[in-house]
Amino acid sequence: MANKPIEALIKCPFYLKLTEDTITCEGYINNTCMLTRFKNSEQKKAHMQENCFLENGGSCFMAKSLFRKYDEE
């Protein structure tokens, strides 16, 4: 599977899967997921380096909102 090496770098606990131009994460609403589509794979890679590869999702807005959700529960 071609994506396995890059997926091994992901530290965000909400990550689910990726494609060439998308990242799918756990959704804010129970039993849903959020899909982020990028204009190109370079933008997706930059986002992943700045967020997905960092502990707790870096400064990703979606990760922060999910952490707040679980803190409130």
C-alpha atoms as a PDB file:
ATOM      1  CA  MET A   1       0.000   0.000   0.000  1.00  0.00           C
ATOM      2  CA  ALA A   2       1.638   3.237  -1.190  1.00  0.00           C
ATOM      3  CA  ASN A   3       0.251   5.443   1.598  1.00  0.00           C
ATOM      4  CA  LYS A   4       1.517   3.299   4.471  1.00  0.00           C
ATOM      5  CA  PRO A   5       4.864   5.084   5.008  1.00  0.00           C
ATOM      6  CA  ILE A   6       3.257   8.548   5.180  1.00  0.00           C
ATOM      7  CA  GLU A   7       0.469   7.244   7.417  1.00  0.00           C
ATOM      8  CA  ALA A   8       3.080   5.966   9.852  1.00  0.00           C
ATOM      9  CA  LEU A   9       4.109   9.611  10.450  1.00  0.00           C
ATOM     10  CA  ILE A  10       0.610  10.767  11.410  1.00  0.00           C
ATOM     11  CA  LYS A  11       0.252  11.530  15.118  1.00  0.00           C
ATOM     12  CA  CYS A  12      -3.190  13.175  15.110  1.00  0.00           C
ATOM     13  CA  PRO A  13      -5.611  10.888  16.959  1.00  0.00           C
ATOM     14  CA  PHE A  14      -8.529  11.922  14.719  1.00  0.00           C
ATOM     15  CA  TYR A  15      -7.004  10.910  11.380  1.00  0.00           C
ATOM     16  CA  LEU A  16      -8.873   8.188   9.468  1.00  0.00           C
ATOM     17  CA  LYS A  17      -7.572   7.983   5.872  1.00  0.00           C
ATOM     18  CA  LEU A  18      -6.228   9.914   2.899  1.00  0.00           C
ATOM     19  CA  THR A  19      -6.332   9.988  -0.878  1.00  0.00           C
ATOM     20  CA  GLU A  20      -4.238  11.938  -3.362  1.00  0.00           C
ATOM     21  CA  ASP A  21      -6.034  15.220  -2.592  1.00  0.00           C
ATOM     22  CA  THR A  22      -8.087  14.569   0.574  1.00  0.00           C
ATOM     23  CA  ILE A  23      -7.704  13.831   4.262  1.00  0.00           C
ATOM     24  CA  THR A  24     -10.557  12.223   6.193  1.00  0.00           C
ATOM     25  CA  CYS A  25     -10.788  12.706   9.944  1.00  0.00           C
ATOM     26  CA  GLU A  26     -13.234  11.885  12.707  1.00  0.00           C
ATOM     27  CA  GLY A  27     -16.303  14.118  12.515  1.00  0.00           C
ATOM     28  CA  TYR A  28     -17.458  16.550  15.156  1.00  0.00           C
ATOM     29  CA  ILE A  29     -20.910  14.944  15.163  1.00  0.00           C
ATOM     30  CA  ASN A  30     -20.959  11.398  16.568  1.00  0.00           C
ATOM     31  CA  ASN A  31     -20.656   8.647  13.948  1.00  0.00           C
ATOM     32  CA  THR A  32     -19.550  11.021  11.174  1.00  0.00           C
ATOM     33  CA  CYS A  33     -16.315  11.963   9.446  1.00  0.00           C
ATOM     34  CA  MET A  34     -14.907  15.191   7.989  1.00  0.00           C
ATOM     35  CA  LEU A  35     -13.255  15.270   4.581  1.00  0.00           C
ATOM     36  CA  THR A  36     -10.835  18.048   3.663  1.00  0.00           C
ATOM     37  CA  ARG A  37     -10.140  18.409  -0.058  1.00  0.00           C
ATOM     38  CA  PHE A  38      -7.003  20.222  -1.234  1.00  0.00           C
ATOM     39  CA  LYS A  39      -6.345  21.893  -4.591  1.00  0.00           C
ATOM     40  CA  ASN A  40      -3.306  19.686  -5.087  1.00  0.00           C
ATOM     41  CA  SER A  41      -1.153  17.119  -3.336  1.00  0.00           C
ATOM     42  CA  GLU A  42       1.477  19.740  -2.407  1.00  0.00           C
ATOM     43  CA  GLN A  43      -1.073  21.685  -0.357  1.00  0.00           C
ATOM     44  CA  LYS A  44      -2.184  18.458   1.307  1.00  0.00           C
ATOM     45  CA  LYS A  45       1.424  17.529   2.142  1.00  0.00           C
ATOM     46  CA  ALA A  46       2.073  20.988   3.608  1.00  0.00           C
ATOM     47  CA  HIS A  47      -1.046  20.721   5.785  1.00  0.00           C
ATOM     48  CA  MET A  48      -0.007  17.277   6.976  1.00  0.00           C
ATOM     49  CA  GLN A  49       3.513  18.444   7.894  1.00  0.00           C
ATOM     50  CA  GLU A  50       2.122  21.435   9.812  1.00  0.00           C
ATOM     51  CA  ASN A  51      -0.652  19.496  11.558  1.00  0.00           C
ATOM     52  CA  CYS A  52      -1.161  15.758  11.089  1.00  0.00           C
ATOM     53  CA  PHE A  53       2.470  14.829  11.744  1.00  0.00           C
ATOM     54  CA  LEU A  54       2.513  16.765  15.042  1.00  0.00           C
ATOM     55  CA  GLU A  55       1.329  15.517  18.413  1.00  0.00           C
ATOM     56  CA  ASN A  56      -2.394  16.149  18.910  1.00  0.00           C
ATOM     57  CA  GLY A  57      -2.820  17.499  15.368  1.00  0.00           C
ATOM     58  CA  GLY A  58      -0.656  20.600  15.702  1.00  0.00           C
ATOM     59  CA  SER A  59      -2.712  23.748  15.188  1.00  0.00           C
ATOM     60  CA  CYS A  60      -5.377  22.095  13.026  1.00  0.00           C
ATOM     61  CA  PHE A  61      -8.747  23.736  13.649  1.00  0.00           C
ATOM     62  CA  MET A  62     -10.595  20.418  13.275  1.00  0.00           C
ATOM     63  CA  ALA A  63      -8.368  18.640  15.793  1.00  0.00           C
ATOM     64  CA  LYS A  64      -8.708  21.504  18.264  1.00  0.00           C
ATOM     65  CA  SER A  65     -12.499  21.449  17.939  1.00  0.00           C
ATOM     66  CA  LEU A  66     -12.580  17.690  18.570  1.00  0.00           C
ATOM     67  CA  PHE A  67     -10.370  18.007  21.655  1.00  0.00           C
ATOM     68  CA  ARG A  68     -12.747  20.698  22.977  1.00  0.00           C
ATOM     69  CA  LYS A  69     -15.716  18.435  22.233  1.00  0.00           C
ATOM     70  CA  TYR A  70     -14.228  15.601  24.278  1.00  0.00           C
ATOM     71  CA  ASP A  71     -13.202  17.954  27.090  1.00  0.00           C
ATOM     72  CA  GLU A  72     -16.823  19.126  27.337  1.00  0.00           C
ATOM     73  CA  GLU A  73     -18.263  15.602  27.456  1.00  0.00           C
END
